[in-house]
Every structure is written in C-alpha cells, then in structure tokens.
C-alpha cells in the first residue's frame, strides 16, 4: 500500500483524496482524452503517471484557483507530448473543469497535444526537446538571487539526453549551486524512431550526471512510493542540483502497450479504453 502524506495547499486545506484513487483516475482520464481525440500519447501518459501524480497531488505547492500565485513551485514539462498526463492531474486539482479534457488536441482548445502556456497553470511551451532544463535553470537562478523559497521541477525524457544543450545547462546548474532545482529524467529507452540504444546510446546515465557534479538519485519511476521518497530526498540537498533517474516502462500497466517500440503515438477507441481499464483494475487486485 502506498504511503500517503498530503501536501498542505494554499488556504490551509489538504488535497486529501487517497493517492491510489487519484492515480487510477489520472490513468483513466488519459484514456478519456485519447478516446475523445481518436488518439494521443497514451503510452507516455502511463509511463509518467506515478511521477505526475506524486508531484501534483503531494509535492508541488500550487493554488489551482490562482495559477500565477507568486510563491508557487514551478513545474516545467520539457517533454511536451507528455501533457496528456499533466492535464489529467490538473483537471483533478481544479485548474479547469474535467469536461475540458474532452477537447484534448482539438482546434481552438486550451489543451493542446503538446503542452504550452496557452493552458492555465502550464509554465512553458514544451516539445522542442532539450530546452526545458535551460528554462528551469533560469527560474531556479532567479529564485536563488531573490531569496525566494519556491522550488523548480523539470520533467525530461531520456531522449533529451541526446541534446547537447542538456549538458551545457547541467554545467551551469552545478556552477550556481542550484539546490532549488530537481530534474526528473524519464528513462524508458524509447523514442519516436525506436529504442534509444539503437538510435544514439546515452549510457551510462547516472555516471554522466555525477561527472557534471549533480546529486543523483535512481529509482523505479513506476512505483509511487519510490517517487515520493526520491522527491522528498531531493528537497533537503544543499548546494547541488538534483537529478532523479526514473526507470519506467512505456505503456506501463496495459498489456497491449507495455514496452513496445511502435506506440509513441497511438490511435485510440472506446474498446481500447475498456481493455486498458480492465488491465489496470486487474493489476490493482493482484497488488492489493
């Protein structure tokens, strides 16, 4: 059973629904969006679900009624196509009505397929991979220079480690001792053209970040207890930025998606939604 320590939100009330329930709901809403649109980045929404749930439901200091609250933590979705999972969490928190999920990726919708600042509460336009970390460093440095308490969290993909800009940014973060910065790298070994090891090898990952002077935490990104522990540990590190290496499985929990190389983007139907939910619910029973 996952540990459940609720973050106190602005105004003094805790977002206190059980984390198991919230996580399952998040995944169901990923299917809901994909079904309404006829397709989407379902596999990414599933592989990052535990990380998104831990951040939005238990870690980030946010005020959904005031998305521009100055003291909020900043969450930057560098890997912009993962927005399908982030939207699911934001709707649950009340950033926008849940009904808006049914407009995912449609013309004129605030919920674009690739996350952007058009959506209330989304900090940056992502999708041009490799740039989110640089923007996160700018925000973290600004907080440090102004002696502000809020933290910066950047969600990246392992494919972004192929970008040279990532490593230039890593040097800058270490140089400025940006301990308010936590980077989560989703390591699922997949990108649009297949397995990352077959496109441009990036191993060893942890040792690279250590060589750049970062505090490094490795964990199972599909286990929410491990995610929460890693995030809690990152918040107490002094004088070093932290990178969390989150090992995940694309399409985690759904048998007809999991760990396949051809599910970067998938077409989606009501029948697939029903099959996927049955898979997830059967898995919950096995682990209860």
Protein backbone atom coordinates (compact mmCIF):
# COMPACT_ATOMS: atom_id res chain seq x y z
CA UNK A 1 0.00 0.00 0.00
CA UNK A 2 1.46 3.36 -0.99
CA UNK A 3 2.32 5.85 1.71
CA UNK A 4 0.10 8.89 1.65
CA UNK A 5 1.27 12.22 3.07
CA UNK A 6 -0.79 15.10 1.70
CA UNK A 7 0.79 18.44 0.90
CA UNK A 8 -0.99 21.38 2.53
CA UNK A 9 -2.29 23.67 -0.20
CA UNK A 10 -2.61 27.46 -0.04
CA UNK A 11 -5.59 28.35 2.13
CA UNK A 12 -4.83 25.60 4.64
CA UNK A 13 -6.74 22.64 3.15
CA UNK A 14 -5.09 19.36 2.18
CA UNK A 15 -5.75 17.66 -1.11
CA UNK A 16 -6.66 14.54 0.79
CA UNK A 17 -8.16 12.01 -1.63
CA UNK A 18 -6.38 8.62 -1.39
CA UNK A 19 -3.38 8.53 -3.68
CA UNK A 20 -4.32 5.10 -5.09
CA UNK A 21 -7.65 6.51 -6.22
CA UNK A 22 -6.09 9.62 -7.70
CA UNK A 23 -3.51 7.64 -9.64
CA UNK A 24 -6.07 5.29 -11.18
CA UNK A 25 -8.29 8.26 -12.04
CA UNK A 26 -5.38 10.01 -13.73
CA UNK A 27 -4.78 7.00 -15.97
CA UNK A 28 -8.48 6.69 -16.81
CA UNK A 29 -8.51 10.35 -17.81
CA UNK A 30 -5.56 9.75 -20.13
CA UNK A 31 -7.75 7.18 -21.91
CA UNK A 32 -10.68 9.61 -21.87
CA UNK A 33 -8.68 12.28 -23.67
CA UNK A 34 -7.23 9.89 -26.23
CA UNK A 35 -10.67 8.44 -26.96
CA UNK A 36 -12.21 11.88 -27.46
CA UNK A 37 -9.40 12.84 -29.83
CA UNK A 38 -9.15 9.47 -31.57
CA UNK A 39 -5.54 9.11 -30.47
CA UNK A 40 -2.76 10.55 -28.36
CA UNK A 41 0.41 9.97 -26.37
CA UNK A 42 -1.16 7.32 -24.17
CA UNK A 43 2.00 5.31 -23.55
CA UNK A 44 3.84 8.35 -22.23
CA UNK A 45 0.89 9.29 -20.03
CA UNK A 46 1.05 5.85 -18.46
CA UNK A 47 4.81 5.61 -18.02
CA UNK A 48 4.92 9.00 -16.27
CA UNK A 49 1.66 8.66 -14.30
CA UNK A 50 3.24 7.90 -10.92
CA UNK A 51 5.67 10.79 -11.26
CA UNK A 52 2.96 13.24 -12.30
CA UNK A 53 0.65 12.04 -9.52
CA UNK A 54 3.33 12.34 -6.85
CA UNK A 55 4.26 15.83 -7.97
CA UNK A 56 0.83 17.33 -8.45
CA UNK A 57 -1.06 15.60 -5.65
CA UNK A 58 1.56 15.53 -2.91
CA UNK A 59 4.68 17.64 -3.61
CA UNK A 60 4.13 20.79 -5.65
CA UNK A 61 2.95 23.90 -3.81
CA UNK A 62 0.20 25.15 -6.13
CA UNK A 63 -3.01 27.13 -5.98
CA UNK A 64 -5.37 25.97 -8.76
CA UNK A 65 -7.60 28.99 -8.15
CA UNK A 66 -4.63 31.30 -8.72
CA UNK A 67 -2.27 29.65 -11.24
CA UNK A 68 0.03 32.71 -11.19
CA UNK A 69 0.43 32.65 -7.38
CA UNK A 70 3.96 34.12 -6.95
CA UNK A 71 5.07 31.62 -4.30
CA UNK A 72 4.06 28.53 -6.29
CA UNK A 73 6.57 25.84 -7.15
CA UNK A 74 7.40 25.82 -10.84
CA UNK A 75 6.81 22.59 -12.77
CA UNK A 76 8.28 22.59 -16.28
CA UNK A 77 7.21 19.92 -18.75
CA UNK A 78 10.18 19.87 -21.08
CA UNK A 79 8.92 16.73 -22.82
CA UNK A 80 5.80 18.47 -24.06
CA UNK A 81 3.93 15.50 -25.52
CA UNK A 82 3.58 14.06 -22.00
CA UNK A 83 0.99 16.80 -21.44
CA UNK A 84 -1.85 14.25 -21.64
CA UNK A 85 -0.95 13.04 -18.13
CA UNK A 86 -0.37 16.51 -16.74
CA UNK A 87 -3.77 17.70 -17.96
CA UNK A 88 -5.40 14.76 -16.18
CA UNK A 89 -3.78 15.80 -12.89
CA UNK A 90 -4.57 19.49 -13.36
CA UNK A 91 -8.25 18.81 -14.03
CA UNK A 92 -8.47 16.78 -10.81
CA UNK A 93 -6.96 19.68 -8.88
CA UNK A 94 -9.37 22.20 -10.38
CA UNK A 95 -7.19 24.21 -12.75
CA UNK A 96 -10.02 23.76 -15.26
CA UNK A 97 -13.27 21.75 -15.39
CA UNK A 98 -12.85 18.00 -16.08
CA UNK A 99 -15.17 18.34 -19.08
CA UNK A 100 -12.42 20.28 -20.83
CA UNK A 101 -10.41 17.05 -21.06
CA UNK A 102 -12.76 16.03 -23.88
CA UNK A 103 -11.30 18.86 -26.01
CA UNK A 104 -7.73 17.47 -25.87
CA UNK A 105 -5.82 18.39 -29.06
CA UNK A 106 -8.91 19.81 -30.81
CA UNK A 107 -8.78 23.04 -32.81
CA UNK A 108 -9.08 26.04 -30.51
CA UNK A 109 -8.72 24.00 -27.32
CA UNK A 110 -6.62 25.22 -24.41
CA UNK A 111 -5.38 21.62 -24.06
CA UNK A 112 -3.01 21.31 -26.98
CA UNK A 113 -1.45 17.94 -27.76
CA UNK A 114 1.99 19.38 -26.99
CA UNK A 115 1.90 21.27 -23.69
CA UNK A 116 2.08 25.06 -23.97
CA UNK A 117 1.47 28.23 -22.00
CA UNK A 118 -1.99 28.56 -23.51
CA UNK A 119 -3.16 26.17 -20.75
CA UNK A 120 -3.79 27.74 -17.31
CA UNK A 121 -1.05 26.55 -14.96
CA UNK A 122 1.39 25.35 -17.65
CA UNK A 123 4.67 27.25 -17.23
CA UNK A 124 6.40 26.76 -20.59
CA UNK A 125 5.80 25.64 -24.14
CA UNK A 126 7.50 22.26 -24.37
CA UNK A 127 8.15 19.86 -27.18
CA UNK A 128 11.33 21.33 -28.63
CA UNK A 129 13.27 18.74 -26.72
CA UNK A 130 16.32 19.70 -24.71
CA UNK A 131 15.19 23.23 -23.83
CA UNK A 132 13.18 22.73 -20.63
CA UNK A 133 16.20 22.27 -18.41
CA UNK A 134 17.72 25.58 -19.54
CA UNK A 135 14.46 27.37 -18.75
CA UNK A 136 14.29 25.63 -15.37
CA UNK A 137 17.79 26.81 -14.56
CA UNK A 138 16.79 30.38 -15.35
CA UNK A 139 13.85 30.15 -12.95
CA UNK A 140 15.88 28.45 -10.22
CA UNK A 141 18.66 31.03 -10.51
CA UNK A 142 16.08 33.81 -10.31
CA UNK A 143 14.64 32.29 -7.13
CA UNK A 144 18.11 31.96 -5.61
CA UNK A 145 19.15 35.54 -6.42
CA UNK A 146 15.88 36.90 -4.97
CA UNK A 147 15.99 34.58 -1.94
CA UNK A 148 12.62 33.04 -2.84
CA UNK A 149 11.58 29.71 -1.27
CA UNK A 150 9.83 28.07 -4.19
CA UNK A 151 11.34 25.10 -5.98
CA UNK A 152 11.67 24.23 -9.66
CA UNK A 153 10.92 20.76 -11.03
CA UNK A 154 11.68 19.79 -14.65
CA UNK A 155 10.38 16.59 -16.24
CA UNK A 156 12.56 15.42 -19.12
CA UNK A 157 12.88 12.29 -21.22
CA UNK A 158 15.94 10.12 -21.74
CA UNK A 159 15.80 11.03 -25.43
CA UNK A 160 16.57 14.62 -24.45
CA UNK A 161 19.94 13.48 -23.16
CA UNK A 162 20.98 13.22 -26.81
CA UNK A 163 20.77 17.03 -26.99
CA UNK A 164 23.98 18.95 -26.35
CA UNK A 165 22.07 21.83 -24.76
CA UNK A 166 21.16 19.50 -21.88
CA UNK A 167 24.78 19.14 -20.85
CA UNK A 168 25.59 22.84 -21.22
CA UNK A 169 22.67 23.51 -18.87
CA UNK A 170 23.87 20.83 -16.45
CA UNK A 171 27.21 22.64 -16.11
CA UNK A 172 25.51 25.96 -15.37
CA UNK A 173 23.24 24.47 -12.69
CA UNK A 174 26.19 22.93 -10.84
CA UNK A 175 28.23 26.13 -11.12
CA UNK A 176 25.47 28.17 -9.47
CA UNK A 177 24.73 25.55 -6.79
CA UNK A 178 21.04 25.46 -7.69
CA UNK A 179 19.74 23.28 -4.88
CA UNK A 180 16.19 24.50 -5.53
CA UNK A 181 16.24 22.60 -8.83
CA UNK A 182 15.13 18.98 -9.23
CA UNK A 183 15.19 17.31 -12.64
CA UNK A 184 13.34 14.06 -13.28
CA UNK A 185 14.53 12.08 -16.30
CA UNK A 186 12.01 9.53 -17.54
CA UNK A 187 14.20 6.64 -18.66
CA UNK A 188 12.01 4.32 -20.74
CA UNK A 189 14.56 3.64 -23.51
CA UNK A 190 12.08 4.68 -26.21
CA UNK A 191 11.80 7.49 -28.71
CA UNK A 192 9.82 8.02 -31.91
CA UNK A 193 12.27 6.02 -34.03
CA UNK A 194 12.63 3.05 -31.67
CA UNK A 195 14.82 2.16 -28.71
CA UNK A 196 17.22 4.89 -27.68
CA UNK A 197 20.11 2.46 -27.57
CA UNK A 198 19.54 1.78 -31.27
CA UNK A 199 19.40 5.48 -32.22
CA UNK A 200 22.09 7.19 -30.11
CA UNK A 201 23.32 5.41 -27.00
CA UNK A 202 23.30 7.52 -23.83
CA UNK A 203 24.58 5.05 -21.22
CA UNK A 204 25.79 5.32 -18.52
CA UNK A 205 23.23 7.91 -17.43
CA UNK A 206 23.82 8.24 -13.68
CA UNK A 207 27.58 8.42 -14.07
CA UNK A 208 27.26 11.23 -16.63
CA UNK A 209 25.24 13.39 -14.24
CA UNK A 210 27.62 12.59 -11.39
CA UNK A 211 30.53 13.69 -13.58
CA UNK A 212 28.75 17.02 -14.06
CA UNK A 213 28.60 17.41 -10.28
CA UNK A 214 24.91 16.75 -9.64
CA UNK A 215 23.30 14.90 -6.76
CA UNK A 216 21.93 11.74 -8.40
CA UNK A 217 19.04 9.57 -7.23
CA UNK A 218 18.00 6.43 -9.13
CA UNK A 219 14.61 4.84 -8.61
CA UNK A 220 11.67 2.95 -10.11
CA UNK A 221 9.55 5.64 -11.72
CA UNK A 222 6.52 3.35 -11.88
CA UNK A 223 6.45 2.84 -8.11
CA UNK A 224 4.83 5.83 -6.46
CA UNK A 225 6.40 5.20 -3.03
CA UNK A 226 9.85 5.31 -4.64
CA UNK A 227 8.93 8.51 -6.49
CA UNK A 228 7.72 10.24 -3.33
CA UNK A 229 10.83 9.21 -1.40
CA UNK A 230 13.13 10.47 -4.15
CA UNK A 231 11.31 13.81 -4.35
CA UNK A 232 11.44 14.22 -0.56
CA UNK A 233 15.17 13.43 -0.52
CA UNK A 234 15.88 15.92 -3.31
CA UNK A 235 14.31 18.75 -1.31
CA UNK A 236 16.86 18.56 1.52
CA UNK A 237 20.06 18.57 -0.58
CA UNK A 238 22.17 21.70 -0.19
CA UNK A 239 24.39 23.44 -2.76
CA UNK A 240 23.80 20.89 -5.53
CA UNK A 241 21.06 20.45 -8.12
CA UNK A 242 19.42 17.00 -8.06
CA UNK A 243 18.58 14.71 -10.93
CA UNK A 244 16.23 11.76 -10.37
CA UNK A 245 16.81 8.93 -12.82
CA UNK A 246 13.34 7.36 -13.10
CA UNK A 247 13.35 3.95 -14.75
CA UNK A 248 9.95 3.36 -16.34
CA UNK A 249 8.10 1.22 -18.89
CA UNK A 250 6.30 2.82 -21.82
CA UNK A 251 2.60 1.98 -21.60
CA UNK A 252 3.07 0.65 -18.09
CA UNK A 253 0.17 -1.44 -16.77
CA UNK A 254 -1.58 -2.00 -20.09
CA UNK A 255 -0.63 -5.31 -21.68
CA UNK A 256 -1.18 -4.33 -25.33
CA UNK A 257 1.02 -1.21 -24.99
CA UNK A 258 3.73 -2.04 -22.46
CA UNK A 259 7.35 -1.87 -23.64
CA UNK A 260 6.51 -1.86 -27.35
CA UNK A 261 8.61 0.18 -29.79
CA UNK A 262 5.69 1.18 -32.03
CA UNK A 263 3.44 3.04 -29.56
CA UNK A 264 4.99 6.51 -29.49
CA UNK A 265 1.63 7.84 -30.67
CA UNK A 266 -1.41 5.56 -30.86
CA UNK A 267 -4.88 5.73 -32.35
CA UNK A 268 -7.46 5.12 -29.64
CA UNK A 269 -11.03 3.87 -29.40
CA UNK A 270 -13.68 3.19 -26.77
CA UNK A 271 -12.90 -0.54 -26.99
CA UNK A 272 -9.24 0.12 -26.18
CA UNK A 273 -10.29 2.25 -23.23
CA UNK A 274 -12.32 -0.64 -21.83
CA UNK A 275 -9.49 -3.13 -22.33
CA UNK A 276 -6.94 -0.78 -20.77
CA UNK A 277 -9.10 -0.08 -17.71
CA UNK A 278 -9.67 -3.82 -17.23
CA UNK A 279 -5.89 -4.34 -17.32
CA UNK A 280 -5.27 -1.63 -14.74
CA UNK A 281 -8.03 -2.80 -12.41
CA UNK A 282 -6.85 -6.42 -12.61
CA UNK A 283 -3.36 -5.23 -11.73
CA UNK A 284 -4.71 -3.33 -8.72
CA UNK A 285 -6.40 -6.52 -7.48
CA UNK A 286 -3.20 -8.53 -7.87
CA UNK A 287 -1.24 -5.97 -5.84
CA UNK A 288 -3.81 -5.39 -3.10
